[in-house]
Amino acid sequence: MPKFTGTIRHNDLEGGFYELHTDDGDVYRLEGAGKVTAGSRVVVKGKVEGGGFGIHMSGPSITVERIDPA
């Protein structure tokens, strides 16, 4: 299962959702992340979902298996 390290940010678009801004410069929506805090540095373990954009139109999403502090 891939791991992604970065910072969680809140996006206010379409009612709001959380994104992971990775250290590599990529941005992913977090699906199934549970309770997270914007500004937290984390390591996310999960699967990148393909197939285009969801209603948030912010790019690919990660279906989260686990989030740990970085």
PDB file of N, CA and C in Angstrom:
ATOM      1  N   MET A   1       0.851  -1.177   0.000  1.00  0.00           N
ATOM      2  CA  MET A   1       0.000   0.000   0.000  1.00  0.00           C
ATOM      3  C   MET A   1       0.897   1.241   0.000  1.00  0.00           C
ATOM      4  N   PRO A   2       0.695   2.163  -0.925  1.00  0.00           N
ATOM      5  CA  PRO A   2       1.528   3.368  -1.001  1.00  0.00           C
ATOM      6  C   PRO A   2       1.389   4.258   0.229  1.00  0.00           C
ATOM      7  N   LYS A   3       2.461   4.998   0.520  1.00  0.00           N
ATOM      8  CA  LYS A   3       2.474   5.976   1.610  1.00  0.00           C
ATOM      9  C   LYS A   3       2.760   7.355   1.031  1.00  0.00           C
ATOM     10  N   PHE A   4       2.101   8.363   1.595  1.00  0.00           N
ATOM     11  CA  PHE A   4       2.252   9.745   1.154  1.00  0.00           C
ATOM     12  C   PHE A   4       2.492  10.616   2.375  1.00  0.00           C
ATOM     13  N   THR A   5       3.536  11.438   2.339  1.00  0.00           N
ATOM     14  CA  THR A   5       3.851  12.316   3.457  1.00  0.00           C
ATOM     15  C   THR A   5       3.565  13.751   3.055  1.00  0.00           C
ATOM     16  N   GLY A   6       2.903  14.486   3.952  1.00  0.00           N
ATOM     17  CA  GLY A   6       2.598  15.874   3.649  1.00  0.00           C
ATOM     18  C   GLY A   6       1.793  16.539   4.748  1.00  0.00           C
ATOM     19  N   THR A   7       1.114  17.617   4.371  1.00  0.00           N
ATOM     20  CA  THR A   7       0.348  18.439   5.298  1.00  0.00           C
ATOM     21  C   THR A   7      -1.118  18.417   4.918  1.00  0.00           C
ATOM     22  N   ILE A   8      -1.975  18.251   5.921  1.00  0.00           N
ATOM     23  CA  ILE A   8      -3.421  18.275   5.690  1.00  0.00           C
ATOM     24  C   ILE A   8      -3.884  19.723   5.615  1.00  0.00           C
ATOM     25  N   ARG A   9      -4.697  20.016   4.623  1.00  0.00           N
ATOM     26  CA  ARG A   9      -5.291  21.352   4.469  1.00  0.00           C
ATOM     27  C   ARG A   9      -6.787  21.203   4.231  1.00  0.00           C
ATOM     28  N   HIS A  10      -7.540  22.186   4.683  1.00  0.00           N
ATOM     29  CA  HIS A  10      -8.984  22.196   4.465  1.00  0.00           C
ATOM     30  C   HIS A  10      -9.278  23.041   3.232  1.00  0.00           C
ATOM     31  N   ASN A  11     -10.101  22.516   2.338  1.00  0.00           N
ATOM     32  CA  ASN A  11     -10.525  23.237   1.142  1.00  0.00           C
ATOM     33  C   ASN A  11     -12.001  23.572   1.321  1.00  0.00           C
ATOM     34  N   ASP A  12     -12.375  24.843   1.212  1.00  0.00           N
ATOM     35  CA  ASP A  12     -13.748  25.294   1.447  1.00  0.00           C
ATOM     36  C   ASP A  12     -14.689  25.059   0.270  1.00  0.00           C
ATOM     37  N   LEU A  13     -14.166  24.616  -0.850  1.00  0.00           N
ATOM     38  CA  LEU A  13     -14.967  24.390  -2.051  1.00  0.00           C
ATOM     39  C   LEU A  13     -16.083  23.373  -1.787  1.00  0.00           C
ATOM     40  N   GLU A  14     -17.276  23.633  -2.312  1.00  0.00           N
ATOM     41  CA  GLU A  14     -18.405  22.692  -2.263  1.00  0.00           C
ATOM     42  C   GLU A  14     -18.705  22.170  -0.864  1.00  0.00           C
ATOM     43  N   GLY A  15     -18.696  23.046   0.129  1.00  0.00           N
ATOM     44  CA  GLY A  15     -19.040  22.631   1.487  1.00  0.00           C
ATOM     45  C   GLY A  15     -17.863  22.203   2.337  1.00  0.00           C
ATOM     46  N   GLY A  16     -16.705  22.053   1.742  1.00  0.00           N
ATOM     47  CA  GLY A  16     -15.490  21.765   2.493  1.00  0.00           C
ATOM     48  C   GLY A  16     -15.093  20.303   2.495  1.00  0.00           C
ATOM     49  N   PHE A  17     -13.798  20.083   2.415  1.00  0.00           N
ATOM     50  CA  PHE A  17     -13.217  18.739   2.487  1.00  0.00           C
ATOM     51  C   PHE A  17     -11.734  18.890   2.774  1.00  0.00           C
ATOM     52  N   TYR A  18     -11.095  17.778   3.130  1.00  0.00           N
ATOM     53  CA  TYR A  18      -9.672  17.807   3.458  1.00  0.00           C
ATOM     54  C   TYR A  18      -8.843  17.255   2.310  1.00  0.00           C
ATOM     55  N   GLU A  19      -7.661  17.851   2.153  1.00  0.00           N
ATOM     56  CA  GLU A  19      -6.708  17.443   1.127  1.00  0.00           C
ATOM     57  C   GLU A  19      -5.364  17.164   1.786  1.00  0.00           C
ATOM     58  N   LEU A  20      -4.572  16.332   1.138  1.00  0.00           N
ATOM     59  CA  LEU A  20      -3.188  16.125   1.531  1.00  0.00           C
ATOM     60  C   LEU A  20      -2.319  16.815   0.500  1.00  0.00           C
ATOM     61  N   HIS A  21      -1.508  17.760   0.946  1.00  0.00           N
ATOM     62  CA  HIS A  21      -0.530  18.431   0.093  1.00  0.00           C
ATOM     63  C   HIS A  21       0.808  17.756   0.388  1.00  0.00           C
ATOM     64  N   THR A  22       1.267  16.916  -0.541  1.00  0.00           N
ATOM     65  CA  THR A  22       2.452  16.095  -0.295  1.00  0.00           C
ATOM     66  C   THR A  22       3.738  16.897  -0.402  1.00  0.00           C
ATOM     67  N   ASP A  23       4.779  16.324   0.170  1.00  0.00           N
ATOM     68  CA  ASP A  23       6.113  16.935   0.086  1.00  0.00           C
ATOM     69  C   ASP A  23       6.624  16.955  -1.353  1.00  0.00           C
ATOM     70  N   ASP A  24       6.050  16.102  -2.217  1.00  0.00           N
ATOM     71  CA  ASP A  24       6.442  16.050  -3.636  1.00  0.00           C
ATOM     72  C   ASP A  24       5.682  17.060  -4.488  1.00  0.00           C
ATOM     73  N   GLY A  25       4.736  17.807  -3.873  1.00  0.00           N
ATOM     74  CA  GLY A  25       3.988  18.821  -4.605  1.00  0.00           C
ATOM     75  C   GLY A  25       2.654  18.363  -5.160  1.00  0.00           C
ATOM     76  N   ASP A  26       2.245  17.136  -4.866  1.00  0.00           N
ATOM     77  CA  ASP A  26       0.953  16.641  -5.327  1.00  0.00           C
ATOM     78  C   ASP A  26      -0.138  16.978  -4.317  1.00  0.00           C
ATOM     79  N   VAL A  27      -1.395  17.003  -4.791  1.00  0.00           N
ATOM     80  CA  VAL A  27      -2.539  17.275  -3.930  1.00  0.00           C
ATOM     81  C   VAL A  27      -3.575  16.179  -4.144  1.00  0.00           C
ATOM     82  N   TYR A  28      -4.050  15.597  -3.028  1.00  0.00           N
ATOM     83  CA  TYR A  28      -5.040  14.531  -3.078  1.00  0.00           C
ATOM     84  C   TYR A  28      -6.181  14.841  -2.111  1.00  0.00           C
ATOM     85  N   ARG A  29      -7.415  14.557  -2.527  1.00  0.00           N
ATOM     86  CA  ARG A  29      -8.542  14.572  -1.596  1.00  0.00           C
ATOM     87  C   ARG A  29      -8.388  13.375  -0.682  1.00  0.00           C
ATOM     88  N   LEU A  30      -8.790  13.530   0.569  1.00  0.00           N
ATOM     89  CA  LEU A  30      -8.737  12.419   1.514  1.00  0.00           C
ATOM     90  C   LEU A  30     -10.134  11.848   1.685  1.00  0.00           C
ATOM     91  N   GLU A  31     -10.319  10.613   1.291  1.00  0.00           N
ATOM     92  CA  GLU A  31     -11.602   9.922   1.408  1.00  0.00           C
ATOM     93  C   GLU A  31     -11.524   8.920   2.553  1.00  0.00           C
ATOM     94  N   GLY A  32     -12.424   9.058   3.522  1.00  0.00           N
ATOM     95  CA  GLY A  32     -12.456   8.129   4.644  1.00  0.00           C
ATOM     96  C   GLY A  32     -11.375   8.387   5.667  1.00  0.00           C
ATOM     97  N   ALA A  33     -10.968   9.656   5.793  1.00  0.00           N
ATOM     98  CA  ALA A  33      -9.881   9.991   6.709  1.00  0.00           C
ATOM     99  C   ALA A  33     -10.322  10.069   8.164  1.00  0.00           C
ATOM    100  N   GLY A  34     -11.630  10.185   8.405  1.00  0.00           N
ATOM    101  CA  GLY A  34     -12.090  10.361   9.778  1.00  0.00           C
ATOM    102  C   GLY A  34     -11.775  11.766  10.251  1.00  0.00           C
ATOM    103  N   LYS A  35     -11.538  11.897  11.541  1.00  0.00           N
ATOM    104  CA  LYS A  35     -11.257  13.215  12.115  1.00  0.00           C
ATOM    105  C   LYS A  35      -9.790  13.574  11.896  1.00  0.00           C
ATOM    106  N   VAL A  36      -9.554  14.637  11.151  1.00  0.00           N
ATOM    107  CA  VAL A  36      -8.199  15.133  10.898  1.00  0.00           C
ATOM    108  C   VAL A  36      -8.167  16.626  11.203  1.00  0.00           C
ATOM    109  N   THR A  37      -6.966  17.160  11.355  1.00  0.00           N
ATOM    110  CA  THR A  37      -6.797  18.574  11.692  1.00  0.00           C
ATOM    111  C   THR A  37      -5.966  19.257  10.626  1.00  0.00           C
ATOM    112  N   ALA A  38      -6.508  20.343  10.070  1.00  0.00           N
ATOM    113  CA  ALA A  38      -5.759  21.120   9.078  1.00  0.00           C
ATOM    114  C   ALA A  38      -4.452  21.601   9.686  1.00  0.00           C
ATOM    115  N   GLY A  39      -3.391  21.515   8.906  1.00  0.00           N
ATOM    116  CA  GLY A  39      -2.072  21.939   9.347  1.00  0.00           C
ATOM    117  C   GLY A  39      -1.228  20.805   9.900  1.00  0.00           C
ATOM    118  N   SER A  40      -1.824  19.643  10.109  1.00  0.00           N
ATOM    119  CA  SER A  40      -1.082  18.496  10.646  1.00  0.00           C
ATOM    120  C   SER A  40      -0.150  17.906   9.595  1.00  0.00           C
ATOM    121  N   ARG A  41       1.064  17.548  10.025  1.00  0.00           N
ATOM    122  CA  ARG A  41       2.005  16.820   9.169  1.00  0.00           C
ATOM    123  C   ARG A  41       1.764  15.342   9.401  1.00  0.00           C
ATOM    124  N   VAL A  42       1.488  14.616   8.319  1.00  0.00           N
ATOM    125  CA  VAL A  42       1.080  13.219   8.451  1.00  0.00           C
ATOM    126  C   VAL A  42       1.709  12.331   7.386  1.00  0.00           C
ATOM    127  N   VAL A  43       1.622  11.031   7.643  1.00  0.00           N
ATOM    128  CA  VAL A  43       1.916  10.007   6.653  1.00  0.00           C
ATOM    129  C   VAL A  43       0.602   9.276   6.421  1.00  0.00           C
ATOM    130  N   VAL A  44       0.140   9.280   5.179  1.00  0.00           N
ATOM    131  CA  VAL A  44      -1.121   8.631   4.822  1.00  0.00           C
ATOM    132  C   VAL A  44      -0.804   7.350   4.051  1.00  0.00           C
ATOM    133  N   LYS A  45      -1.408   6.264   4.486  1.00  0.00           N
ATOM    134  CA  LYS A  45      -1.282   4.996   3.789  1.00  0.00           C
ATOM    135  C   LYS A  45      -2.639   4.720   3.161  1.00  0.00           C
ATOM    136  N   GLY A  46      -2.668   4.503   1.848  1.00  0.00           N
ATOM    137  CA  GLY A  46      -3.938   4.271   1.188  1.00  0.00           C
ATOM    138  C   GLY A  46      -3.778   4.058  -0.299  1.00  0.00           C
ATOM    139  N   LYS A  47      -4.916   3.957  -0.951  1.00  0.00           N
ATOM    140  CA  LYS A  47      -4.956   3.668  -2.386  1.00  0.00           C
ATOM    141  C   LYS A  47      -5.406   4.905  -3.151  1.00  0.00           C
ATOM    142  N   VAL A  48      -4.652   5.267  -4.187  1.00  0.00           N
ATOM    143  CA  VAL A  48      -5.043   6.380  -5.054  1.00  0.00           C
ATOM    144  C   VAL A  48      -6.147   5.878  -5.974  1.00  0.00           C
ATOM    145  N   GLU A  49      -7.247   6.603  -5.981  1.00  0.00           N
ATOM    146  CA  GLU A  49      -8.401   6.240  -6.809  1.00  0.00           C
ATOM    147  C   GLU A  49      -8.304   6.953  -8.148  1.00  0.00           C
ATOM    148  N   GLY A  50      -8.411   6.215  -9.210  1.00  0.00           N
ATOM    149  CA  GLY A  50      -8.387   6.782 -10.549  1.00  0.00           C
ATOM    150  C   GLY A  50      -9.803   7.073 -11.016  1.00  0.00           C
ATOM    151  N   GLY A  51      -9.946   7.369 -12.269  1.00  0.00           N
ATOM    152  CA  GLY A  51     -11.276   7.536 -12.828  1.00  0.00           C
ATOM    153  C   GLY A  51     -11.806   8.943 -12.826  1.00  0.00           C
ATOM    154  N   GLY A  52     -10.930   9.932 -12.755  1.00  0.00           N
ATOM    155  CA  GLY A  52     -11.409  11.303 -12.909  1.00  0.00           C
ATOM    156  C   GLY A  52     -11.702  12.002 -11.609  1.00  0.00           C
ATOM    157  N   PHE A  53     -12.555  13.012 -11.718  1.00  0.00           N
ATOM    158  CA  PHE A  53     -12.820  13.913 -10.624  1.00  0.00           C
ATOM    159  C   PHE A  53     -14.163  13.619  -9.981  1.00  0.00           C
ATOM    160  N   GLY A  54     -14.248  13.892  -8.692  1.00  0.00           N
ATOM    161  CA  GLY A  54     -15.525  13.823  -7.987  1.00  0.00           C
ATOM    162  C   GLY A  54     -16.193  15.187  -8.020  1.00  0.00           C
ATOM    163  N   ILE A  55     -17.177  15.376  -7.165  1.00  0.00           N
ATOM    164  CA  ILE A  55     -17.892  16.659  -7.158  1.00  0.00           C
ATOM    165  C   ILE A  55     -17.008  17.800  -6.707  1.00  0.00           C
ATOM    166  N   HIS A  56     -15.921  17.506  -5.999  1.00  0.00           N
ATOM    167  CA  HIS A  56     -15.048  18.572  -5.506  1.00  0.00           C
ATOM    168  C   HIS A  56     -14.108  19.120  -6.574  1.00  0.00           C
ATOM    169  N   MET A  57     -13.906  18.398  -7.642  1.00  0.00           N
ATOM    170  CA  MET A  57     -13.085  18.856  -8.765  1.00  0.00           C
ATOM    171  C   MET A  57     -11.692  19.317  -8.336  1.00  0.00           C
ATOM    172  N   SER A  58     -11.092  18.613  -7.390  1.00  0.00           N
ATOM    173  CA  SER A  58      -9.785  19.039  -6.903  1.00  0.00           C
ATOM    174  C   SER A  58      -8.665  18.077  -7.255  1.00  0.00           C
ATOM    175  N   GLY A  59      -8.949  17.050  -8.014  1.00  0.00           N
ATOM    176  CA  GLY A  59      -7.908  16.112  -8.397  1.00  0.00           C
ATOM    177  C   GLY A  59      -8.175  14.730  -7.851  1.00  0.00           C
ATOM    178  N   PRO A  60      -7.164  13.855  -7.909  1.00  0.00           N
ATOM    179  CA  PRO A  60      -7.358  12.473  -7.476  1.00  0.00           C
ATOM    180  C   PRO A  60      -7.579  12.387  -5.965  1.00  0.00           C
ATOM    181  N   SER A  61      -8.107  11.253  -5.540  1.00  0.00           N
ATOM    182  CA  SER A  61      -8.329  11.057  -4.109  1.00  0.00           C
ATOM    183  C   SER A  61      -7.551   9.853  -3.624  1.00  0.00           C
ATOM    184  N   ILE A  62      -7.301   9.828  -2.326  1.00  0.00           N
ATOM    185  CA  ILE A  62      -6.712   8.681  -1.662  1.00  0.00           C
ATOM    186  C   ILE A  62      -7.787   8.100  -0.758  1.00  0.00           C
ATOM    187  N   THR A  63      -8.090   6.824  -0.940  1.00  0.00           N
ATOM    188  CA  THR A  63      -8.938   6.124   0.010  1.00  0.00           C
ATOM    189  C   THR A  63      -8.024   5.715   1.164  1.00  0.00           C
ATOM    190  N   VAL A  64      -8.229   6.346   2.304  1.00  0.00           N
ATOM    191  CA  VAL A  64      -7.306   6.243   3.427  1.00  0.00           C
ATOM    192  C   VAL A  64      -7.475   4.911   4.158  1.00  0.00           C
ATOM    193  N   GLU A  65      -6.335   4.243   4.353  1.00  0.00           N
ATOM    194  CA  GLU A  65      -6.312   3.048   5.187  1.00  0.00           C
ATOM    195  C   GLU A  65      -5.830   3.421   6.590  1.00  0.00           C
ATOM    196  N   ARG A  66      -4.854   4.346   6.651  1.00  0.00           N
ATOM    197  CA  ARG A  66      -4.277   4.721   7.935  1.00  0.00           C
ATOM    198  C   ARG A  66      -3.621   6.094   7.819  1.00  0.00           C
ATOM    199  N   ILE A  67      -3.699   6.886   8.902  1.00  0.00           N
ATOM    200  CA  ILE A  67      -2.992   8.171   8.993  1.00  0.00           C
ATOM    201  C   ILE A  67      -2.202   8.180  10.283  1.00  0.00           C
ATOM    202  N   ASP A  68      -0.913   8.511  10.160  1.00  0.00           N
ATOM    203  CA  ASP A  68      -0.020   8.602  11.328  1.00  0.00           C
ATOM    204  C   ASP A  68       0.676   9.961  11.311  1.00  0.00           C
ATOM    205  N   PRO A  69       1.071  10.456  12.488  1.00  0.00           N
ATOM    206  CA  PRO A  69       1.851  11.698  12.528  1.00  0.00           C
ATOM    207  C   PRO A  69       3.174  11.517  11.779  1.00  0.00           C
ATOM    208  N   ALA A  70       3.633  12.571  11.132  1.00  0.00           N
ATOM    209  CA  ALA A  70       4.900  12.496  10.383  1.00  0.00           C
ATOM    210  C   ALA A  70       6.075  12.775  11.311  1.00  0.00           C
TER     211      ALA A  70
END
